[in-house]
C-alpha atoms as a PDB file:
ATOM      1  CA  MET A   1    -130.826 -64.794 -91.319  1.00  0.00           C
ATOM      2  CA  ASN A   2    -131.036 -67.840 -89.114  1.00  0.00           C
ATOM      3  CA  LEU A   3    -128.289 -70.275 -89.533  1.00  0.00           C
ATOM      4  CA  SER A   4    -127.454 -72.848 -86.913  1.00  0.00           C
ATOM      5  CA  LEU A   5    -123.838 -74.671 -86.939  1.00  0.00           C
ATOM      6  CA  HIS A   6    -121.731 -76.638 -85.055  1.00  0.00           C
ATOM      7  CA  ASP A   7    -124.611 -78.443 -83.037  1.00  0.00           C
ATOM      8  CA  ASN A   8    -125.951 -75.111 -81.813  1.00  0.00           C
ATOM      9  CA  GLU A   9    -122.861 -74.104 -80.476  1.00  0.00           C
ATOM     10  CA  TYR A  10    -123.264 -70.575 -81.617  1.00  0.00           C
ATOM     11  CA  GLN A  11    -126.049 -68.707 -84.222  1.00  0.00           C
ATOM     12  CA  ILE A  12    -125.699 -65.854 -86.771  1.00  0.00           C
ATOM     13  CA  THR A  13    -129.362 -64.315 -85.922  1.00  0.00           C
ATOM     14  CA  SER A  14    -128.727 -61.151 -87.810  1.00  0.00           C
ATOM     15  CA  VAL A  15    -126.291 -59.245 -90.121  1.00  0.00           C
ATOM     16  CA  TYR A  16    -124.847 -57.532 -87.040  1.00  0.00           C
ATOM     17  CA  ASP A  17    -123.516 -60.784 -85.878  1.00  0.00           C
ATOM     18  CA  ILE A  18    -121.165 -61.383 -88.710  1.00  0.00           C
ATOM     19  CA  ASN A  19    -118.134 -59.654 -87.240  1.00  0.00           C
ATOM     20  CA  TYR A  20    -118.485 -61.168 -84.315  1.00  0.00           C
ATOM     21  CA  TYR A  21    -118.764 -64.303 -85.871  1.00  0.00           C
ATOM     22  CA  SER A  22    -115.560 -63.677 -87.769  1.00  0.00           C
ATOM     23  CA  ILE A  23    -113.827 -63.163 -85.151  1.00  0.00           C
ATOM     24  CA  PHE A  24    -115.149 -66.105 -83.366  1.00  0.00           C
ATOM     25  CA  GLU A  25    -114.103 -68.189 -86.176  1.00  0.00           C
ATOM     26  CA  MET A  26    -110.497 -67.052 -86.356  1.00  0.00           C
ATOM     27  CA  ARG A  27    -109.872 -67.908 -82.777  1.00  0.00           C
ATOM     28  CA  LYS A  28    -110.801 -71.510 -83.832  1.00  0.00           C
ATOM     29  CA  THR A  29    -108.800 -71.691 -86.989  1.00  0.00           C
ATOM     30  CA  TRP A  30    -105.334 -71.826 -85.382  1.00  0.00           C
ATOM     31  CA  TRP A  31    -105.078 -75.462 -85.671  1.00  0.00           C
ATOM     32  CA  LYS A  32    -106.117 -75.573 -89.237  1.00  0.00           C
ATOM     33  CA  ILE A  33    -103.829 -73.363 -90.254  1.00  0.00           C
ATOM     34  CA  ILE A  34    -100.971 -75.704 -88.398  1.00  0.00           C
ATOM     35  CA  GLY A  35    -102.379 -78.666 -89.949  1.00  0.00           C
ATOM     36  CA  VAL A  36    -102.427 -77.456 -93.789  1.00  0.00           C
ATOM     37  CA  GLY A  37     -98.614 -75.685 -93.047  1.00  0.00           C
ATOM     38  CA  LEU A  38     -97.341 -79.185 -91.724  1.00  0.00           C
ATOM     39  CA  VAL A  39     -99.238 -81.296 -94.694  1.00  0.00           C
ATOM     40  CA  PHE A  40     -97.540 -78.538 -96.909  1.00  0.00           C
ATOM     41  CA  TYR A  41     -94.235 -78.776 -95.176  1.00  0.00           C
ATOM     42  CA  THR A  42     -94.541 -82.782 -95.574  1.00  0.00           C
ATOM     43  CA  LEU A  43     -95.003 -82.503 -99.310  1.00  0.00           C
ATOM     44  CA  ILE A  44     -91.873 -80.111 -99.829  1.00  0.00           C
ATOM     45  CA  ALA A  45     -89.649 -81.618 -97.374  1.00  0.00           C
ATOM     46  CA  GLY A  46     -90.780 -85.269 -97.791  1.00  0.00           C
ATOM     47  CA  LEU A  47     -89.821 -85.213-101.352  1.00  0.00           C
ATOM     48  CA  LEU A  48     -86.849 -82.852-101.645  1.00  0.00           C
ATOM     49  CA  MET A  49     -85.170 -82.984 -98.752  1.00  0.00           C
ATOM     50  CA  GLU A  50     -82.106 -85.836 -98.546  1.00  0.00           C
ATOM     51  CA  ALA A  51     -82.879 -89.018 -97.692  1.00  0.00           C
ATOM     52  CA  PRO A  52     -80.589 -91.211 -95.825  1.00  0.00           C
ATOM     53  CA  ARG A  53     -79.374 -94.249 -98.047  1.00  0.00           C
ATOM     54  CA  LEU A  54     -80.730 -97.443 -96.781  1.00  0.00           C
ATOM     55  CA  ALA A  55     -80.130-100.966 -98.301  1.00  0.00           C
ATOM     56  CA  ILE A  56     -83.229-102.082-100.370  1.00  0.00           C
ATOM     57  CA  LEU A  57     -85.242 -98.950 -99.175  1.00  0.00           C
ATOM     58  CA  ASN A  58     -83.275 -96.201-100.948  1.00  0.00           C
ATOM     59  CA  GLU A  59     -85.597 -93.519-101.992  1.00  0.00           C
ATOM     60  CA  THR A  60     -88.738 -95.380-101.444  1.00  0.00           C
ATOM     61  CA  ILE A  61     -88.073 -94.355 -97.648  1.00  0.00           C
ATOM     62  CA  ARG A  62     -89.826 -91.146 -98.496  1.00  0.00           C
ATOM     63  CA  ALA A  63     -92.828 -93.239 -98.660  1.00  0.00           C
ATOM     64  CA  MET A  64     -92.824 -93.437 -94.522  1.00  0.00           C
ATOM     65  CA  HIS A  65     -93.577 -89.278 -94.478  1.00  0.00           C
ATOM     66  CA  PHE A  66     -97.337 -90.089 -96.304  1.00  0.00           C
ATOM     67  CA  HIS A  67     -98.276 -93.752 -95.877  1.00  0.00           C
ATOM     68  CA  VAL A  68     -97.352 -94.127 -92.118  1.00  0.00           C
ATOM     69  CA  PRO A  69     -98.838 -90.987 -91.456  1.00  0.00           C
ATOM     70  CA  MET A  70    -102.190 -91.623 -92.787  1.00  0.00           C
ATOM     71  CA  TRP A  71    -102.513 -94.993 -90.991  1.00  0.00           C
ATOM     72  CA  PHE A  72    -101.510 -92.998 -87.794  1.00  0.00           C
ATOM     73  CA  GLY A  73    -104.304 -90.102 -88.439  1.00  0.00           C
ATOM     74  CA  MET A  74    -106.424 -92.855 -89.319  1.00  0.00           C
ATOM     75  CA  VAL A  75    -106.273 -95.087 -86.170  1.00  0.00           C
ATOM     76  CA  ILE A  76    -106.700 -91.798 -84.065  1.00  0.00           C
ATOM     77  CA  MET A  77    -109.819 -90.897 -85.627  1.00  0.00           C
ATOM     78  CA  LEU A  78    -111.396 -94.517 -85.491  1.00  0.00           C
ATOM     79  CA  THR A  79    -110.436 -94.516 -81.829  1.00  0.00           C
ATOM     80  CA  ALA A  80    -112.450 -91.170 -81.363  1.00  0.00           C
ATOM     81  CA  SER A  81    -115.307 -92.701 -83.325  1.00  0.00           C
ATOM     82  CA  VAL A  82    -115.600 -95.396 -81.180  1.00  0.00           C
ATOM     83  CA  ILE A  83    -115.814 -93.063 -77.942  1.00  0.00           C
ATOM     84  CA  PHE A  84    -118.445 -91.398 -79.514  1.00  0.00           C
ATOM     85  CA  SER A  85    -120.466 -94.532 -80.684  1.00  0.00           C
ATOM     86  CA  ILE A  86    -120.086 -95.539 -76.491  1.00  0.00           C
ATOM     87  CA  ARG A  87    -121.201 -91.959 -75.690  1.00  0.00           C
ATOM     88  CA  TYR A  88    -124.295 -92.429 -77.991  1.00  0.00           C
ATOM     89  CA  LEU A  89    -125.218 -95.820 -76.612  1.00  0.00           C
ATOM     90  CA  ARG A  90    -124.765 -94.339 -73.243  1.00  0.00           C
ATOM     91  CA  THR A  91    -126.897 -90.963 -73.764  1.00  0.00           C
ATOM     92  CA  GLY A  92    -129.122 -91.700 -76.801  1.00  0.00           C
ATOM     93  CA  ASN A  93    -128.029 -88.345 -78.171  1.00  0.00           C
ATOM     94  CA  LEU A  94    -127.601 -88.651 -81.684  1.00  0.00           C
ATOM     95  CA  LYS A  95    -125.072 -85.788 -82.314  1.00  0.00           C
ATOM     96  CA  TYR A  96    -122.550 -88.295 -81.077  1.00  0.00           C
ATOM     97  CA  ASP A  97    -123.514 -90.989 -83.918  1.00  0.00           C
ATOM     98  CA  ILE A  98    -122.761 -87.962 -86.134  1.00  0.00           C
ATOM     99  CA  TYR A  99    -119.319 -87.471 -84.489  1.00  0.00           C
ATOM    100  CA  ALA A 100    -118.678 -91.087 -84.913  1.00  0.00           C
ATOM    101  CA  ILE A 101    -120.023 -91.956 -88.410  1.00  0.00           C
ATOM    102  CA  GLU A 102    -118.188 -88.874 -90.057  1.00  0.00           C
ATOM    103  CA  LEU A 103    -114.981 -89.713 -87.983  1.00  0.00           C
ATOM    104  CA  VAL A 104    -115.307 -93.126 -89.776  1.00  0.00           C
ATOM    105  CA  ASN A 105    -115.887 -91.580 -93.123  1.00  0.00           C
ATOM    106  CA  THR A 106    -113.040 -89.630 -92.713  1.00  0.00           C
ATOM    107  CA  SER A 107    -110.849 -92.577 -91.513  1.00  0.00           C
ATOM    108  CA  ILE A 108    -111.900 -94.752 -94.454  1.00  0.00           C
ATOM    109  CA  LEU A 109    -110.370 -92.046 -96.841  1.00  0.00           C
ATOM    110  CA  PHE A 110    -107.350 -92.094 -94.911  1.00  0.00           C
ATOM    111  CA  GLY A 111    -107.173 -95.859 -94.981  1.00  0.00           C
ATOM    112  CA  ILE A 112    -107.843 -96.030 -98.809  1.00  0.00           C
ATOM    113  CA  LEU A 113    -105.036 -93.288 -99.252  1.00  0.00           C
ATOM    114  CA  GLY A 114    -102.781 -95.375 -97.124  1.00  0.00           C
ATOM    115  CA  LEU A 115    -103.513 -98.535 -98.945  1.00  0.00           C
ATOM    116  CA  ALA A 116    -102.534 -96.621-102.218  1.00  0.00           C
ATOM    117  CA  THR A 117     -99.260 -95.291-100.848  1.00  0.00           C
ATOM    118  CA  GLY A 118     -98.365 -98.517 -99.505  1.00  0.00           C
ATOM    119  CA  MET A 119     -98.875-100.205-102.715  1.00  0.00           C
ATOM    120  CA  ILE A 120     -96.642 -97.779-104.771  1.00  0.00           C
ATOM    121  CA  TRP A 121     -93.901 -98.520-102.273  1.00  0.00           C
ATOM    122  CA  ALA A 122     -94.345-101.959-102.057  1.00  0.00           C
ATOM    123  CA  ASN A 123     -94.195-102.295-106.241  1.00  0.00           C
ATOM    124  CA  TYR A 124     -90.715-100.694-105.751  1.00  0.00           C
ATOM    125  CA  THR A 125     -89.500-102.497-102.670  1.00  0.00           C
ATOM    126  CA  TRP A 126     -91.288-105.847-102.862  1.00  0.00           C
ATOM    127  CA  GLY A 127     -91.501-105.679-106.796  1.00  0.00           C
ATOM    128  CA  ALA A 128     -95.389-105.833-107.058  1.00  0.00           C
ATOM    129  CA  PRO A 129     -98.263-103.350-105.772  1.00  0.00           C
ATOM    130  CA  TRP A 130     -99.808-106.510-104.063  1.00  0.00           C
ATOM    131  CA  SER A 131     -98.146-109.852-103.005  1.00  0.00           C
ATOM    132  CA  GLY A 132    -100.810-111.088-100.684  1.00  0.00           C
ATOM    133  CA  ASP A 133     -98.604-110.343 -97.979  1.00  0.00           C
ATOM    134  CA  PRO A 134    -100.464-110.816 -94.431  1.00  0.00           C
ATOM    135  CA  LYS A 135    -100.015-106.989 -93.661  1.00  0.00           C
ATOM    136  CA  GLN A 136    -101.835-106.184 -96.657  1.00  0.00           C
ATOM    137  CA  ASN A 137    -104.446-108.990 -96.280  1.00  0.00           C
ATOM    138  CA  ALA A 138    -105.083-107.524 -92.992  1.00  0.00           C
ATOM    139  CA  SER A 139    -105.488-104.226 -93.857  1.00  0.00           C
ATOM    140  CA  ALA A 140    -107.634-104.987 -96.598  1.00  0.00           C
ATOM    141  CA  ILE A 141    -109.860-107.040 -94.590  1.00  0.00           C
ATOM    142  CA  GLY A 142    -110.091-103.887 -92.095  1.00  0.00           C
ATOM    143  CA  MET A 143    -111.290-101.503 -94.592  1.00  0.00           C
ATOM    144  CA  LEU A 144    -113.892-104.210 -95.765  1.00  0.00           C
ATOM    145  CA  ILE A 145    -115.552-104.303 -92.274  1.00  0.00           C
ATOM    146  CA  TYR A 146    -115.711-100.553 -92.300  1.00  0.00           C
ATOM    147  CA  PHE A 147    -117.072-100.675 -95.678  1.00  0.00           C
ATOM    148  CA  ALA A 148    -119.705-103.056 -94.652  1.00  0.00           C
ATOM    149  CA  TYR A 149    -120.203-100.658 -91.430  1.00  0.00           C
ATOM    150  CA  ILE A 150    -121.263 -97.827 -94.134  1.00  0.00           C
ATOM    151  CA  LEU A 151    -123.612-100.091 -96.097  1.00  0.00           C
ATOM    152  CA  LEU A 152    -124.961-101.646 -93.160  1.00  0.00           C
ATOM    153  CA  ARG A 153    -126.029 -98.218 -91.924  1.00  0.00           C
ATOM    154  CA  ASN A 154    -127.529 -97.039 -95.278  1.00  0.00           C
ATOM    155  CA  SER A 155    -129.481-100.107 -95.267  1.00  0.00           C
ATOM    156  CA  ILE A 156    -131.603 -98.670 -92.110  1.00  0.00           C
ATOM    157  CA  THR A 157    -134.105 -95.523 -92.384  1.00  0.00           C
ATOM    158  CA  ASP A 158    -134.975 -95.126 -88.658  1.00  0.00           C
ATOM    159  CA  PRO A 159    -132.353 -92.700 -87.142  1.00  0.00           C
ATOM    160  CA  GLN A 160    -132.171 -94.206 -83.677  1.00  0.00           C
ATOM    161  CA  GLN A 161    -132.275 -97.618 -84.876  1.00  0.00           C
ATOM    162  CA  LYS A 162    -129.451 -97.143 -87.438  1.00  0.00           C
ATOM    163  CA  ALA A 163    -127.513 -95.381 -84.506  1.00  0.00           C
ATOM    164  CA  LYS A 164    -127.756 -98.075 -82.039  1.00  0.00           C
ATOM    165  CA  ILE A 165    -126.972-100.728 -84.615  1.00  0.00           C
ATOM    166  CA  GLY A 166    -124.165 -98.721 -86.033  1.00  0.00           C
ATOM    167  CA  GLY A 167    -122.523 -97.930 -82.646  1.00  0.00           C
ATOM    168  CA  VAL A 168    -122.185-101.345 -81.521  1.00  0.00           C
ATOM    169  CA  TYR A 169    -121.029-102.578 -84.968  1.00  0.00           C
ATOM    170  CA  ASN A 170    -118.356 -99.867 -84.631  1.00  0.00           C
ATOM    171  CA  ILE A 171    -117.370-100.971 -81.622  1.00  0.00           C
ATOM    172  CA  PHE A 172    -117.132-104.332 -83.043  1.00  0.00           C
ATOM    173  CA  ALA A 173    -115.045-103.511 -86.117  1.00  0.00           C
ATOM    174  CA  TYR A 174    -112.717-101.607 -84.178  1.00  0.00           C
ATOM    175  CA  ALA A 175    -111.873-104.704 -81.894  1.00  0.00           C
ATOM    176  CA  THR A 176    -111.348-106.232 -84.804  1.00  0.00           C
ATOM    177  CA  LEU A 177    -108.932-103.998 -86.821  1.00  0.00           C
ATOM    178  CA  ILE A 178    -106.541-103.576 -83.996  1.00  0.00           C
ATOM    179  CA  PRO A 179    -105.450-107.274 -84.069  1.00  0.00           C
ATOM    180  CA  LEU A 180    -105.641-107.537 -87.831  1.00  0.00           C
ATOM    181  CA  LEU A 181    -103.267-104.718 -88.116  1.00  0.00           C
ATOM    182  CA  PHE A 182    -100.835-104.786 -84.861  1.00  0.00           C
ATOM    183  CA  ILE A 183    -100.889-108.357 -83.885  1.00  0.00           C
ATOM    184  CA  LEU A 184    -101.896-110.983 -86.156  1.00  0.00           C
ATOM    185  CA  PRO A 185     -99.287-109.989 -89.274  1.00  0.00           C
ATOM    186  CA  ARG A 186     -96.510-110.018 -86.419  1.00  0.00           C
ATOM    187  CA  LEU A 187     -97.292-113.600 -85.663  1.00  0.00           C
ATOM    188  CA  THR A 188     -96.478-114.884 -89.455  1.00  0.00           C
ATOM    189  CA  ASP A 189     -94.045-114.079 -91.811  1.00  0.00           C
ATOM    190  CA  SER A 190     -94.305-110.862 -93.742  1.00  0.00           C
ATOM    191  CA  LEU A 191     -92.323-108.631 -95.766  1.00  0.00           C
ATOM    192  CA  HIS A 192     -93.375-105.463 -93.953  1.00  0.00           C
ATOM    193  CA  PRO A 193     -91.151-103.629 -92.080  1.00  0.00           C
ATOM    194  CA  GLY A 194     -91.952-104.072 -87.865  1.00  0.00           C
ATOM    195  CA  ASN A 195     -93.770-107.818 -89.080  1.00  0.00           C
ATOM    196  CA  GLY A 196     -92.978-111.397 -89.364  1.00  0.00           C
ATOM    197  CA  GLY A 197     -89.556-110.768 -87.722  1.00  0.00           C
ATOM    198  CA  ASN A 198     -88.613-107.943 -90.111  1.00  0.00           C
ATOM    199  CA  PRO A 199     -87.279-104.778 -88.210  1.00  0.00           C
ATOM    200  CA  GLY A 200     -89.432-101.591 -88.212  1.00  0.00           C
ATOM    201  CA  PHE A 201     -88.677 -98.264 -89.488  1.00  0.00           C
ATOM    202  CA  ASN A 202     -86.876 -97.405 -86.219  1.00  0.00           C
ATOM    203  CA  ALA A 203     -84.098 -99.915 -86.763  1.00  0.00           C
ATOM    204  CA  TYR A 204     -83.406 -98.566 -90.484  1.00  0.00           C
ATOM    205  CA  GLU A 205     -81.719 -95.553 -88.785  1.00  0.00           C
ATOM    206  CA  LEU A 206     -84.799 -93.012 -88.264  1.00  0.00           C
ATOM    207  CA  ASP A 207     -82.112 -90.085 -88.096  1.00  0.00           C
ATOM    208  CA  GLY A 208     -82.736 -86.793 -87.406  1.00  0.00           C
ATOM    209  CA  ARG A 209     -83.372 -85.909 -91.511  1.00  0.00           C
ATOM    210  CA  LEU A 210     -86.447 -88.241 -91.224  1.00  0.00           C
ATOM    211  CA  ARG A 211     -87.785 -87.271 -87.887  1.00  0.00           C
ATOM    212  CA  MET A 212     -87.872 -83.672 -88.971  1.00  0.00           C
ATOM    213  CA  VAL A 213     -90.420 -84.711 -91.641  1.00  0.00           C
ATOM    214  CA  PHE A 214     -91.888 -87.593 -90.126  1.00  0.00           C
ATOM    215  CA  TYR A 215     -93.517 -86.417 -86.457  1.00  0.00           C
ATOM    216  CA  PRO A 216     -95.061 -83.075 -88.309  1.00  0.00           C
ATOM    217  CA  ALA A 217     -96.120 -85.357 -90.874  1.00  0.00           C
ATOM    218  CA  VAL A 218     -98.063 -87.619 -88.323  1.00  0.00           C
ATOM    219  CA  ILE A 219     -99.530 -84.153 -86.831  1.00  0.00           C
ATOM    220  CA  GLY A 220    -100.293 -82.579 -89.951  1.00  0.00           C
ATOM    221  CA  TRP A 221    -101.892 -85.352 -91.508  1.00  0.00           C
ATOM    222  CA  THR A 222    -104.002 -86.185 -88.298  1.00  0.00           C
ATOM    223  CA  LEU A 223    -105.196 -82.223 -87.812  1.00  0.00           C
ATOM    224  CA  LEU A 224    -106.139 -82.278 -91.728  1.00  0.00           C
ATOM    225  CA  GLY A 225    -108.767 -85.223 -90.955  1.00  0.00           C
ATOM    226  CA  VAL A 226    -110.039 -83.842 -87.965  1.00  0.00           C
ATOM    227  CA  TRP A 227    -110.688 -80.634 -90.068  1.00  0.00           C
ATOM    228  CA  LEU A 228    -112.296 -82.870 -92.706  1.00  0.00           C
ATOM    229  CA  THR A 229    -114.367 -84.483 -90.339  1.00  0.00           C
ATOM    230  CA  GLU A 230    -115.556 -81.190 -88.683  1.00  0.00           C
ATOM    231  CA  LEU A 231    -116.916 -79.935 -92.072  1.00  0.00           C
ATOM    232  CA  ARG A 232    -118.626 -82.876 -92.510  1.00  0.00           C
ATOM    233  CA  ILE A 233    -120.230 -82.937 -89.112  1.00  0.00           C
ATOM    234  CA  ARG A 234    -121.386 -79.227 -89.941  1.00  0.00           C
ATOM    235  CA  LEU A 235    -122.610 -80.438 -93.364  1.00  0.00           C
ATOM    236  CA  SER A 236    -124.959 -82.875 -91.318  1.00  0.00           C
ATOM    237  CA  PHE A 237    -125.927 -80.882 -88.665  1.00  0.00           C
ATOM    238  CA  ILE A 238    -127.350 -78.391 -91.707  1.00  0.00           C
ATOM    239  CA  LYS A 239    -128.873 -81.151 -93.654  1.00  0.00           C
ATOM    240  CA  SER A 240    -130.659 -82.568 -90.135  1.00  0.00           C
ATOM    241  CA  LYS A 241    -131.770 -78.909 -89.282  1.00  0.00           C
ATOM    242  CA  ILE A 242    -133.297 -78.580 -92.373  1.00  0.00           C
ATOM    243  CA  ASP A 243    -135.052 -81.985 -92.535  1.00  0.00           C
ATOM    244  CA  GLU A 244    -136.721 -81.103 -89.348  1.00  0.00           C
ATOM    245  CA  GLU A 245    -137.744 -77.685 -91.033  1.00  0.00           C
ATOM    246  CA  ASP A 246    -139.352 -79.538 -94.180  1.00  0.00           C
END
């Protein structure tokens, strides 16, 4: 058997390499185990542990363990994606373009989940899942910018041209997203915590009970996103190898 994975970082060339391959993989799975464990901990503790009784928020404060960490993970992965786009534009190595696009794909998934959990929270806290709040509108625009990024890439057939145009667009998209999420909503009236003069979640007595779940949730969701991205990157490398052999 002859199989290349993870950009030829290692190869299985015969059945006698399987044991070594298994041991090698075991050494690389510790962070995946931690990530999955923290996500399960978040699901259980975030839903079942006692939550502080806060005005207006009440039980909806539990959404902070899911909605906010997903957006944290999304921004972290989009930041890494931009770094890889810049590395591609500097080196011309297509593997960096693959890293960049797969990080964006996973980030879009996290963004959709973040919007969905935010709408659930808003439905109980604001009385409607979508009220046209500046934070909601800015988040939706940011997601549309990245949807356009995917459509743009899919419309180009030449790999090098796709990577170059995609890399430049990715930098533009990131430079647009950050003001949309973190600057513009603060300049106008907004119901969202931390925007438009409203206090952030830290002002809502983010006590030890919430911290015990929130911080592990950020780490867990981010690690899970990195794992999903790694799987997609491996799949992309395998597809590229098959295309080369054909």
